[in-house]
Structure formats: C-alpha cells, structure tokens
Amino acid sequence: MSILNNALSGAVASQLALSASSQNIANLQTKGYTRQSALLSAVAPAAGSFQAGNGVRVTDLMRFSDGYKTQQLWRSASDLGAHSQTQPYLTQLEQVMGDDSASLSSGVDGFFSALNAVAGVDPTSTPLRQQVVTAAGLLGQRFNSLNNVFNAQLQSVRQQRSALIDSANSTIGAIASLNAQIANANASGTNTSSLVDARDQAIDTLASQMGLEVSDQPDGTRNVSLKTGQSLVLGGVAGKLSVSGGAAQTFSLTFAGTSFELDTTKAGGQLGGLSTYEQDTLLPLQQGVADMAQQIAAKVNTQLAAGYAMDGSTPGKPLFVYNAGSSSNMLQVASGFQTSDLAFSADGTPGDTGNLQKLVDIKSQSITVTNIGSVMISDADTQLVGRLAVDSQQNKSALATTQTMRDQAQADWQSTSGVNQDEEAVHLVEYQNMYQANMKVMSVANALFDATLQMMG
C-alpha cells in the first residue's frame, strides 16, 4: 500500500532530521562545530501512475557554511596574530627605556653633571673627580643593562619562532591527513561534517601563525599555501617548514622534495609579526643604542687624549672602553683607571679647566644614530624612546582594529554556522510532530488493511 510506504518514509525522514537536531544541540558549546540539517525532498510517483507520490527522502545532510565568512575568519586570525605577538615586547621596552631611574638620558645627564660639578668647584678635588669616574661607570651599566634587555628579547623572539615552526608543521600534517580522510569519505558517501570542522579548526590555528591562501577542490579537499605563494598542503601531501642558525635564523619550506627559502617578514601571522618586529624595531633600536655608546666613548676618550693628567703627563688616558658585539659589557670604564688620570688641564697646570670645559661641551655635540640620523647627544635617547613609542602606539591601534575584525568575523561565522538553541528546540517539536503524524498514518493504513482482509474473508 502506497499510504503505508509514504508514512514509513516520513517516519524515517523525521528520525534522521531529529538525529541532526540532537547532534546540533549536543555540540552547542563545541568550538568550531558547524550545524547540520536534513534536506528533505518529495519522491515522485512512478511513471504512468496516478498516485500522489512515493513519500519523502533525505537527499543530504546540509552543513550551514559560508565560504566567504570562513575565509574572513582565517584572514582576521592572521592579522591578529601579527600584532598580538609583538605588543608585549614593545611594552617591555617602553617601560625599561622610559624609566627615569634607569634611562640612558639620566645616565648621560649624570655623567655630564659630574663634569660640571668639578668645573664649578675645584678640578683637583679627588672626591669630585671620583664622582666623574663613578658616573661614567653608572652610565656604562645603563648601556649594558639595556643591551641585556635587547639580547633577551632577541633570544625570546627566536625561540618563539622555532616553537611556531614546530607547531605549524604538526598542524600542516594534520590538515593533509584530514584532507585524505575527507576525500575517502566523500568517495564512499559518508557524512564528512565532523572531519571538515576539524580541518577548518586546524586551518584557523595555522592562519594565526602565518598568512594563508586556501582554495577548495572538487573532491572536498582544501589546498593551503602561504600568502607569498608557496604550497603548504596539496590534497593529502604536506610540506615541512624548517629553521636553522642561531643568532641569524634562516627559514625554508620543503615540498615534494623541493626546498624554498622563506622571507618570514612577509609570512604574516605570528611568524611574520615577530620577524618584522626583530628586523624593523628591535635590531635597529639595539644598533641605535650601540651607536650612542660607541660615539660617546670615542668623543670623551679623544678629548681626554688632548689634555693633561694631574701629574702633567699627556696624552690623557681613555676613560671608556667600548666592546663592539659584547652581549653584557658594551661600555665600561677602562680597567685600572684612576681619578688622577682624568686629563682636565689644557696646559699642564693642575688647576686649569680648559680641557674640562671641552669635555662638558661634548653633551651638545652631534652623533649619528641608526634610524634617526644626526642628533645631539643630549637628545639621542629621547628620540629613540619617542620612535619606540610611535611604533608601540601604531601596533596598539592595529591590534585593537584587528581584534575588532576578528570578533566581527567570529560573530558573522556564528550567525551562519553556529547552533541556535531556540531554533533547534523548534525543530525538535516540528520533527517530533512529523514522526507522530506519520505513525498515525501507519496506524490508519494498518486499520484499512485489516478492514480489507475482513471484507475479503
């Protein structure tokens, strides 16, 4: 009887629809889950038949997914990653270099103030001369302490990038594996929704680490490449990222036996953000501070060499030692330097201050600093800190913007793909009523069948 077949198909269809709704509700709080719904269609009657139809069937389990919104989610993850990783480093440097008790400006002012104090009282005073040597030592400590902060950040950035490479390789492998599983499941007609969700989550994780381009393929797989064009995943084949070197890291990508050198400053995401920060901010800032230390030491030592020490000897001994490339002792007072070695006299007379006055004038002389250019010694640190503050503020603004874009992208994705509890509750009632109605039809069909048998008996 067609009425019985129709009712049976309706009951089966409503069960599948209820199963989809129950799966949605079960995953209400599952991150990255895409809701599903049974797609129902009427079964047409047989050719030449005057029947109303042959019931209903589930033609597909539809995933509510918008490719554009998903792509936007991944792009926003990459942009957010690029700025979020660098801000802690910028903030730390701002706090260290802007602290009056530890800044280079205070150290420079202290050193030249000690020279002024000698010039204004007695150039032969041992205590005042000792203050100059002490102030020189403190200035050197400030340069060395700041250089240690730079080196610690460089080490941290490089370790973080190495960890990102390891994590990315694991994720790339997972995406390729899921691609293979999805292709096999599609070929056998199996529902792939959970596999696609897992793959999309993996791509989102990878997108936060580096900028990606993702393209869909006819077999359900997704190819993933860097935004600079190099392939990371093609179907079920995965590439491998690698990093080598210590202080000067180099990055490469190996895919299908071919290796490519990578410029990570163009990679986007966390990897690109860290590399850009290192190349554009941290290393130039460290070099700028080194320029200050080197040129201050050279100017002071050169001027001391033009004067006479307390015992009338000339040339005067160098006060500072600049160690290029040193990790912890960039600038220090020369070993064994004594207060009597300070060559303040211009004519050999112990009480003369001719050379001392020239030493004091050094503060207003110009030096050349990386990324700033020619600037007075007294203003060099202030301009370095000001440039750092601009970079930090720009990154903060970009971070706030990208966070808003990420939140909006997530909300847009959720509006399409996320589970709506109220909507699913309505579906449960609808499909429950559908099931009960079809069971009632089956009961009626059974009663009609029994009545027919009685009439024929």
Foldseek 3Di string as FASTA:
>chain_A
DLLLQQLVQLLVQLVVQLVQLVVQVVCQPPPLAFRWGFDKDFAADDPPDPDPGRHMHGPDTDTLFDPVLLLLLLLLLLLLQLLVLCLVLLVVLLVQCVDCVQHLLVLVVQLLVLLVVCVVPFVLDQVSLVSNLVSQFSSQQSLLVSLLSLVVLLQVLVVVLQVLQVVLQVLLLLLLVLLQVQLVCVVVVHDCSVSVSVNSVSSSVNSQAFPWDWDADPSGHIWIDFPVDHTQHDRNFGKHKDWDDDSDIWIWIAGPRDIDTDDQCRGTHNSVSSSCCVVPPSVLLNQQSLQLQVVLQVQLQVLQQQFAFQQLDHSAHRQWDADPPDSRRRIRGDPPDGSRSRGQANRSHNRHRPSSVVNSCQQQAWTQGGPPGIDGSSCSSVVSSVVSVVVSVVSVVSSVVSVVSSVVSVVVRCVRGRRDPVVSVVSSVVSVVSSVVSVVSSVVVVVVVVVVVVVVD
